[in-house]
Amino acid sequence: METKKQNILIILIAVVISAIIVITTVKNHNPQRIESRVFKVREGWGYDVLVNDTVIIHQELVPVLQDQHGFRKKDQAEKTAQLVIQKLKSGSPPTLTKFDLEKVLGRDETNNERERKME
């Protein structure tokens, strides 16, 4: 159990450091263009966020949810990438919450995640 807590803490620290690096990169370089592209993965869709044609975020799995799979629909990946871009442009960390995902995926999709885990 202690190892699990340590792993979660390490992952959380890595996410925070990554967010700081991304925000610093975006602010310091005053990017002309932030864009996204979606791509097919084995189990659905993922997305990249690019600043001036350089990938700064590569997301193959739906973040936040414990079940490890891609977005079920292409438009879900696109909408999530756009939300991340909005956060970057506003100077916020590009991290997502379950609430953010509910706005993009819908409450049913995030709740179904919990139900699949219980089966």
N, C-alpha and C. Protein backbone atom coordinates (compact mmCIF):
# COMPACT_ATOMS: atom_id res chain seq x y z
N MET A 1 0.82 -1.20 0.00
CA MET A 1 0.00 0.00 0.00
C MET A 1 0.87 1.26 0.00
N GLU A 2 1.96 1.20 0.78
CA GLU A 2 2.86 2.35 0.87
C GLU A 2 3.50 2.64 -0.49
N THR A 3 3.85 1.59 -1.22
CA THR A 3 4.44 1.76 -2.54
C THR A 3 3.47 2.43 -3.49
N LYS A 4 2.20 2.08 -3.39
CA LYS A 4 1.19 2.69 -4.24
C LYS A 4 1.10 4.19 -3.97
N LYS A 5 1.14 4.57 -2.71
CA LYS A 5 1.09 6.00 -2.36
C LYS A 5 2.32 6.72 -2.90
N GLN A 6 3.47 6.08 -2.80
CA GLN A 6 4.70 6.69 -3.31
C GLN A 6 4.63 6.86 -4.82
N ASN A 7 4.11 5.85 -5.51
CA ASN A 7 3.97 5.94 -6.97
C ASN A 7 3.03 7.06 -7.36
N ILE A 8 1.92 7.19 -6.66
CA ILE A 8 0.96 8.26 -6.95
C ILE A 8 1.62 9.61 -6.71
N LEU A 9 2.37 9.73 -5.63
CA LEU A 9 3.05 10.99 -5.33
C LEU A 9 4.08 11.34 -6.41
N ILE A 10 4.83 10.35 -6.87
CA ILE A 10 5.82 10.57 -7.92
C ILE A 10 5.13 11.02 -9.20
N ILE A 11 4.03 10.37 -9.56
CA ILE A 11 3.29 10.75 -10.77
C ILE A 11 2.75 12.16 -10.64
N LEU A 12 2.20 12.50 -9.48
CA LEU A 12 1.66 13.84 -9.26
C LEU A 12 2.76 14.89 -9.38
N ILE A 13 3.90 14.63 -8.80
CA ILE A 13 5.02 15.57 -8.89
C ILE A 13 5.46 15.73 -10.35
N ALA A 14 5.52 14.62 -11.08
CA ALA A 14 5.92 14.68 -12.49
C ALA A 14 4.93 15.50 -13.31
N VAL A 15 3.64 15.36 -13.03
CA VAL A 15 2.61 16.13 -13.74
C VAL A 15 2.76 17.61 -13.45
N VAL A 16 2.98 17.95 -12.19
CA VAL A 16 3.12 19.36 -11.82
C VAL A 16 4.36 19.96 -12.48
N ILE A 17 5.48 19.23 -12.45
CA ILE A 17 6.70 19.74 -13.08
C ILE A 17 6.48 19.90 -14.58
N SER A 18 5.83 18.92 -15.20
CA SER A 18 5.54 19.03 -16.64
C SER A 18 4.67 20.25 -16.94
N ALA A 19 3.67 20.47 -16.10
CA ALA A 19 2.79 21.62 -16.30
C ALA A 19 3.58 22.92 -16.20
N ILE A 20 4.47 23.00 -15.24
CA ILE A 20 5.28 24.21 -15.07
C ILE A 20 6.17 24.42 -16.30
N ILE A 21 6.77 23.36 -16.79
CA ILE A 21 7.63 23.47 -17.97
C ILE A 21 6.82 23.93 -19.18
N VAL A 22 5.65 23.34 -19.36
CA VAL A 22 4.82 23.71 -20.51
C VAL A 22 4.41 25.17 -20.41
N ILE A 23 3.94 25.60 -19.25
CA ILE A 23 3.51 26.99 -19.08
C ILE A 23 4.68 27.95 -19.30
N THR A 24 5.83 27.62 -18.74
CA THR A 24 7.00 28.46 -18.92
C THR A 24 7.39 28.54 -20.38
N THR A 25 7.35 27.42 -21.08
CA THR A 25 7.69 27.40 -22.50
C THR A 25 6.73 28.27 -23.29
N VAL A 26 5.45 28.13 -23.01
CA VAL A 26 4.45 28.90 -23.74
C VAL A 26 4.60 30.39 -23.46
N LYS A 27 4.80 30.76 -22.20
CA LYS A 27 4.92 32.18 -21.85
C LYS A 27 6.22 32.79 -22.37
N ASN A 28 7.33 32.07 -22.25
CA ASN A 28 8.62 32.62 -22.64
C ASN A 28 8.80 32.74 -24.14
N HIS A 29 8.22 31.87 -24.87
CA HIS A 29 8.40 31.90 -26.31
C HIS A 29 7.33 32.71 -27.02
N ASN A 30 6.35 33.18 -26.27
CA ASN A 30 5.26 33.96 -26.86
C ASN A 30 4.84 33.33 -28.20
N PRO A 31 4.29 32.12 -28.13
CA PRO A 31 4.03 31.37 -29.35
C PRO A 31 3.06 32.07 -30.30
N GLN A 32 3.36 31.93 -31.54
CA GLN A 32 2.46 32.47 -32.56
C GLN A 32 1.30 31.52 -32.81
N ARG A 33 1.57 30.22 -32.60
CA ARG A 33 0.53 29.25 -32.96
C ARG A 33 0.51 28.09 -31.97
N ILE A 34 -0.62 27.87 -31.35
CA ILE A 34 -0.86 26.68 -30.53
C ILE A 34 -1.98 25.93 -31.22
N GLU A 35 -1.73 24.68 -31.54
CA GLU A 35 -2.74 23.90 -32.24
C GLU A 35 -2.72 22.46 -31.74
N SER A 36 -3.70 21.71 -32.19
CA SER A 36 -3.78 20.31 -31.79
C SER A 36 -3.97 19.44 -33.02
N ARG A 37 -3.68 18.19 -32.83
CA ARG A 37 -4.01 17.20 -33.85
C ARG A 37 -4.40 15.92 -33.14
N VAL A 38 -5.35 15.21 -33.69
CA VAL A 38 -5.78 13.95 -33.10
C VAL A 38 -5.20 12.81 -33.92
N PHE A 39 -5.08 11.68 -33.28
CA PHE A 39 -4.54 10.51 -33.95
C PHE A 39 -5.21 9.26 -33.41
N LYS A 40 -5.20 8.24 -34.22
CA LYS A 40 -5.81 6.96 -33.86
C LYS A 40 -4.83 6.17 -32.99
N VAL A 41 -5.34 5.59 -31.92
CA VAL A 41 -4.57 4.68 -31.08
C VAL A 41 -5.26 3.32 -31.10
N ARG A 42 -4.64 2.36 -30.51
CA ARG A 42 -5.18 1.00 -30.54
C ARG A 42 -6.62 0.95 -30.03
N GLU A 43 -6.89 1.65 -28.94
CA GLU A 43 -8.23 1.63 -28.35
C GLU A 43 -8.87 3.01 -28.36
N GLY A 44 -9.02 3.61 -29.53
CA GLY A 44 -9.71 4.89 -29.62
C GLY A 44 -8.87 5.97 -30.27
N TRP A 45 -8.89 7.16 -29.62
CA TRP A 45 -8.22 8.35 -30.17
C TRP A 45 -7.38 9.03 -29.10
N GLY A 46 -6.32 9.69 -29.54
CA GLY A 46 -5.49 10.50 -28.67
C GLY A 46 -5.28 11.86 -29.31
N TYR A 47 -4.51 12.72 -28.66
CA TYR A 47 -4.24 14.04 -29.22
C TYR A 47 -2.85 14.53 -28.86
N ASP A 48 -2.35 15.42 -29.70
CA ASP A 48 -1.12 16.16 -29.44
C ASP A 48 -1.48 17.63 -29.35
N VAL A 49 -0.76 18.36 -28.52
CA VAL A 49 -0.84 19.82 -28.51
C VAL A 49 0.53 20.30 -28.97
N LEU A 50 0.53 21.17 -29.97
CA LEU A 50 1.76 21.66 -30.57
C LEU A 50 1.88 23.17 -30.39
N VAL A 51 3.09 23.62 -30.13
CA VAL A 51 3.40 25.04 -30.11
C VAL A 51 4.42 25.27 -31.20
N ASN A 52 4.04 26.09 -32.18
CA ASN A 52 4.90 26.34 -33.33
C ASN A 52 5.46 25.04 -33.91
N ASP A 53 4.57 24.10 -34.14
CA ASP A 53 4.88 22.81 -34.76
C ASP A 53 5.71 21.85 -33.90
N THR A 54 5.91 22.17 -32.63
CA THR A 54 6.63 21.28 -31.73
C THR A 54 5.63 20.67 -30.75
N VAL A 55 5.62 19.35 -30.67
CA VAL A 55 4.71 18.66 -29.75
C VAL A 55 5.16 18.93 -28.32
N ILE A 56 4.25 19.50 -27.52
CA ILE A 56 4.56 19.71 -26.11
C ILE A 56 3.72 18.80 -25.21
N ILE A 57 2.61 18.28 -25.74
CA ILE A 57 1.79 17.32 -25.00
C ILE A 57 1.39 16.21 -25.97
N HIS A 58 1.66 14.99 -25.58
CA HIS A 58 1.27 13.81 -26.37
C HIS A 58 0.40 12.96 -25.45
N GLN A 59 -0.88 12.87 -25.75
CA GLN A 59 -1.83 12.20 -24.86
C GLN A 59 -2.51 11.05 -25.59
N GLU A 60 -2.10 9.82 -25.28
CA GLU A 60 -2.70 8.64 -25.90
C GLU A 60 -3.88 8.10 -25.12
N LEU A 61 -3.93 8.39 -23.82
CA LEU A 61 -4.97 7.86 -22.94
C LEU A 61 -5.83 8.99 -22.40
N VAL A 62 -7.06 8.67 -22.06
CA VAL A 62 -7.93 9.66 -21.43
C VAL A 62 -7.32 9.97 -20.06
N PRO A 63 -6.99 11.24 -19.81
CA PRO A 63 -6.40 11.57 -18.51
C PRO A 63 -7.44 11.50 -17.40
N VAL A 64 -7.00 11.43 -16.18
CA VAL A 64 -7.82 11.45 -14.97
C VAL A 64 -8.49 10.11 -14.67
N LEU A 65 -9.06 9.46 -15.68
CA LEU A 65 -9.77 8.22 -15.44
C LEU A 65 -8.78 7.08 -15.19
N GLN A 66 -9.16 6.17 -14.31
CA GLN A 66 -8.26 5.07 -13.96
C GLN A 66 -8.15 4.03 -15.06
N ASP A 67 -9.22 3.82 -15.81
CA ASP A 67 -9.18 2.86 -16.89
C ASP A 67 -8.30 3.42 -18.01
N GLN A 68 -7.33 2.67 -18.43
CA GLN A 68 -6.35 3.14 -19.40
C GLN A 68 -6.80 2.83 -20.83
N HIS A 69 -7.39 3.80 -21.49
CA HIS A 69 -7.80 3.65 -22.89
C HIS A 69 -7.85 5.02 -23.54
N GLY A 70 -7.87 5.01 -24.87
CA GLY A 70 -7.98 6.26 -25.60
C GLY A 70 -9.41 6.79 -25.54
N PHE A 71 -9.60 7.97 -26.11
CA PHE A 71 -10.94 8.54 -26.21
C PHE A 71 -11.76 7.66 -27.15
N ARG A 72 -13.00 7.43 -26.83
CA ARG A 72 -13.84 6.54 -27.64
C ARG A 72 -14.20 7.17 -29.00
N LYS A 73 -14.31 8.51 -29.03
CA LYS A 73 -14.69 9.20 -30.26
C LYS A 73 -13.65 10.26 -30.60
N LYS A 74 -13.46 10.46 -31.89
CA LYS A 74 -12.49 11.44 -32.37
C LYS A 74 -12.81 12.84 -31.85
N ASP A 75 -14.09 13.22 -31.87
CA ASP A 75 -14.45 14.57 -31.43
C ASP A 75 -14.20 14.78 -29.94
N GLN A 76 -14.22 13.71 -29.15
CA GLN A 76 -13.90 13.84 -27.72
C GLN A 76 -12.43 14.22 -27.54
N ALA A 77 -11.57 13.59 -28.32
CA ALA A 77 -10.14 13.92 -28.26
C ALA A 77 -9.92 15.36 -28.73
N GLU A 78 -10.62 15.75 -29.80
CA GLU A 78 -10.48 17.12 -30.32
C GLU A 78 -10.93 18.15 -29.28
N LYS A 79 -12.09 17.91 -28.66
CA LYS A 79 -12.61 18.86 -27.67
C LYS A 79 -11.71 18.95 -26.45
N THR A 80 -11.16 17.81 -26.03
CA THR A 80 -10.26 17.81 -24.88
C THR A 80 -8.99 18.58 -25.20
N ALA A 81 -8.45 18.37 -26.39
CA ALA A 81 -7.25 19.11 -26.80
C ALA A 81 -7.52 20.61 -26.83
N GLN A 82 -8.69 21.01 -27.31
CA GLN A 82 -9.03 22.43 -27.36
C GLN A 82 -9.14 23.01 -25.94
N LEU A 83 -9.66 22.22 -25.01
CA LEU A 83 -9.75 22.68 -23.62
C LEU A 83 -8.35 22.89 -23.05
N VAL A 84 -7.44 21.97 -23.32
CA VAL A 84 -6.05 22.11 -22.87
C VAL A 84 -5.43 23.37 -23.48
N ILE A 85 -5.69 23.61 -24.75
CA ILE A 85 -5.16 24.81 -25.42
C ILE A 85 -5.72 26.08 -24.77
N GLN A 86 -7.01 26.08 -24.46
CA GLN A 86 -7.61 27.24 -23.78
C GLN A 86 -6.91 27.50 -22.45
N LYS A 87 -6.63 26.43 -21.71
CA LYS A 87 -5.95 26.59 -20.42
C LYS A 87 -4.55 27.16 -20.62
N LEU A 88 -3.83 26.65 -21.60
CA LEU A 88 -2.49 27.18 -21.87
C LEU A 88 -2.52 28.65 -22.24
N LYS A 89 -3.43 29.01 -23.11
CA LYS A 89 -3.52 30.41 -23.55
C LYS A 89 -3.90 31.35 -22.41
N SER A 90 -4.64 30.83 -21.43
CA SER A 90 -5.03 31.68 -20.30
C SER A 90 -3.98 31.68 -19.20
N GLY A 91 -2.90 30.90 -19.39
CA GLY A 91 -1.83 30.87 -18.39
C GLY A 91 -2.06 29.85 -17.30
N SER A 92 -3.09 29.03 -17.43
CA SER A 92 -3.37 27.99 -16.44
C SER A 92 -2.59 26.72 -16.77
N PRO A 93 -2.36 25.89 -15.76
CA PRO A 93 -1.72 24.59 -16.05
C PRO A 93 -2.61 23.77 -16.98
N PRO A 94 -2.02 22.98 -17.86
CA PRO A 94 -2.80 22.21 -18.82
C PRO A 94 -3.37 20.93 -18.25
N THR A 95 -3.42 20.84 -16.93
CA THR A 95 -3.97 19.63 -16.30
C THR A 95 -5.49 19.65 -16.37
N LEU A 96 -6.06 18.45 -16.40
CA LEU A 96 -7.51 18.32 -16.47
C LEU A 96 -8.04 17.65 -15.21
N THR A 97 -9.26 18.02 -14.86
CA THR A 97 -9.95 17.42 -13.72
C THR A 97 -11.07 16.53 -14.24
N LYS A 98 -11.65 15.77 -13.33
CA LYS A 98 -12.79 14.95 -13.72
C LYS A 98 -13.93 15.86 -14.20
N PHE A 99 -14.09 17.00 -13.57
CA PHE A 99 -15.13 17.96 -13.98
C PHE A 99 -14.89 18.43 -15.42
N ASP A 100 -13.62 18.71 -15.75
CA ASP A 100 -13.29 19.10 -17.13
C ASP A 100 -13.70 18.00 -18.11
N LEU A 101 -13.38 16.77 -17.76
CA LEU A 101 -13.72 15.65 -18.64
C LEU A 101 -15.22 15.46 -18.77
N GLU A 102 -15.94 15.69 -17.69
CA GLU A 102 -17.41 15.56 -17.77
C GLU A 102 -17.98 16.56 -18.76
N LYS A 103 -17.37 17.76 -18.84
CA LYS A 103 -17.84 18.76 -19.81
C LYS A 103 -17.60 18.28 -21.24
N VAL A 104 -16.51 17.59 -21.46
CA VAL A 104 -16.15 17.14 -22.80
C VAL A 104 -16.79 15.80 -23.14
N LEU A 105 -16.67 14.84 -22.24
CA LEU A 105 -17.13 13.48 -22.51
C LEU A 105 -18.59 13.27 -22.13
N GLY A 106 -19.07 14.06 -21.22
CA GLY A 106 -20.41 13.85 -20.68
C GLY A 106 -20.32 13.07 -19.38
N ARG A 107 -21.22 13.34 -18.51
CA ARG A 107 -21.22 12.71 -17.19
C ARG A 107 -21.38 11.19 -17.31
N ASP A 108 -22.22 10.73 -18.23
CA ASP A 108 -22.45 9.30 -18.39
C ASP A 108 -21.15 8.56 -18.72
N GLU A 109 -20.35 9.13 -19.59
CA GLU A 109 -19.10 8.48 -20.01
C GLU A 109 -18.15 8.32 -18.83
N THR A 110 -18.01 9.37 -18.00
CA THR A 110 -17.10 9.28 -16.86
C THR A 110 -17.68 8.39 -15.78
N ASN A 111 -18.99 8.37 -15.63
CA ASN A 111 -19.60 7.48 -14.64
C ASN A 111 -19.54 6.03 -15.10
N ASN A 112 -19.66 5.78 -16.40
CA ASN A 112 -19.54 4.42 -16.92
C ASN A 112 -18.18 3.85 -16.62
N GLU A 113 -17.20 4.71 -16.53
CA GLU A 113 -15.85 4.28 -16.19
C GLU A 113 -15.85 3.60 -14.84
N ARG A 114 -16.52 4.20 -13.88
CA ARG A 114 -16.60 3.64 -12.53
C ARG A 114 -17.35 2.31 -12.54
N GLU A 115 -18.43 2.25 -13.32
CA GLU A 115 -19.23 1.04 -13.39
C GLU A 115 -18.44 -0.11 -13.99
N ARG A 116 -17.62 0.16 -15.02
CA ARG A 116 -16.81 -0.90 -15.63
C ARG A 116 -15.81 -1.44 -14.62
N LYS A 117 -15.27 -0.57 -13.75
CA LYS A 117 -14.32 -0.99 -12.74
C LYS A 117 -14.96 -1.92 -11.71
N MET A 118 -16.24 -1.70 -11.43
CA MET A 118 -16.92 -2.46 -10.40
C MET A 118 -17.35 -3.85 -10.89
N GLU A 119 -17.40 -4.05 -12.20
CA GLU A 119 -17.84 -5.33 -12.75
C GLU A 119 -16.84 -6.42 -12.53
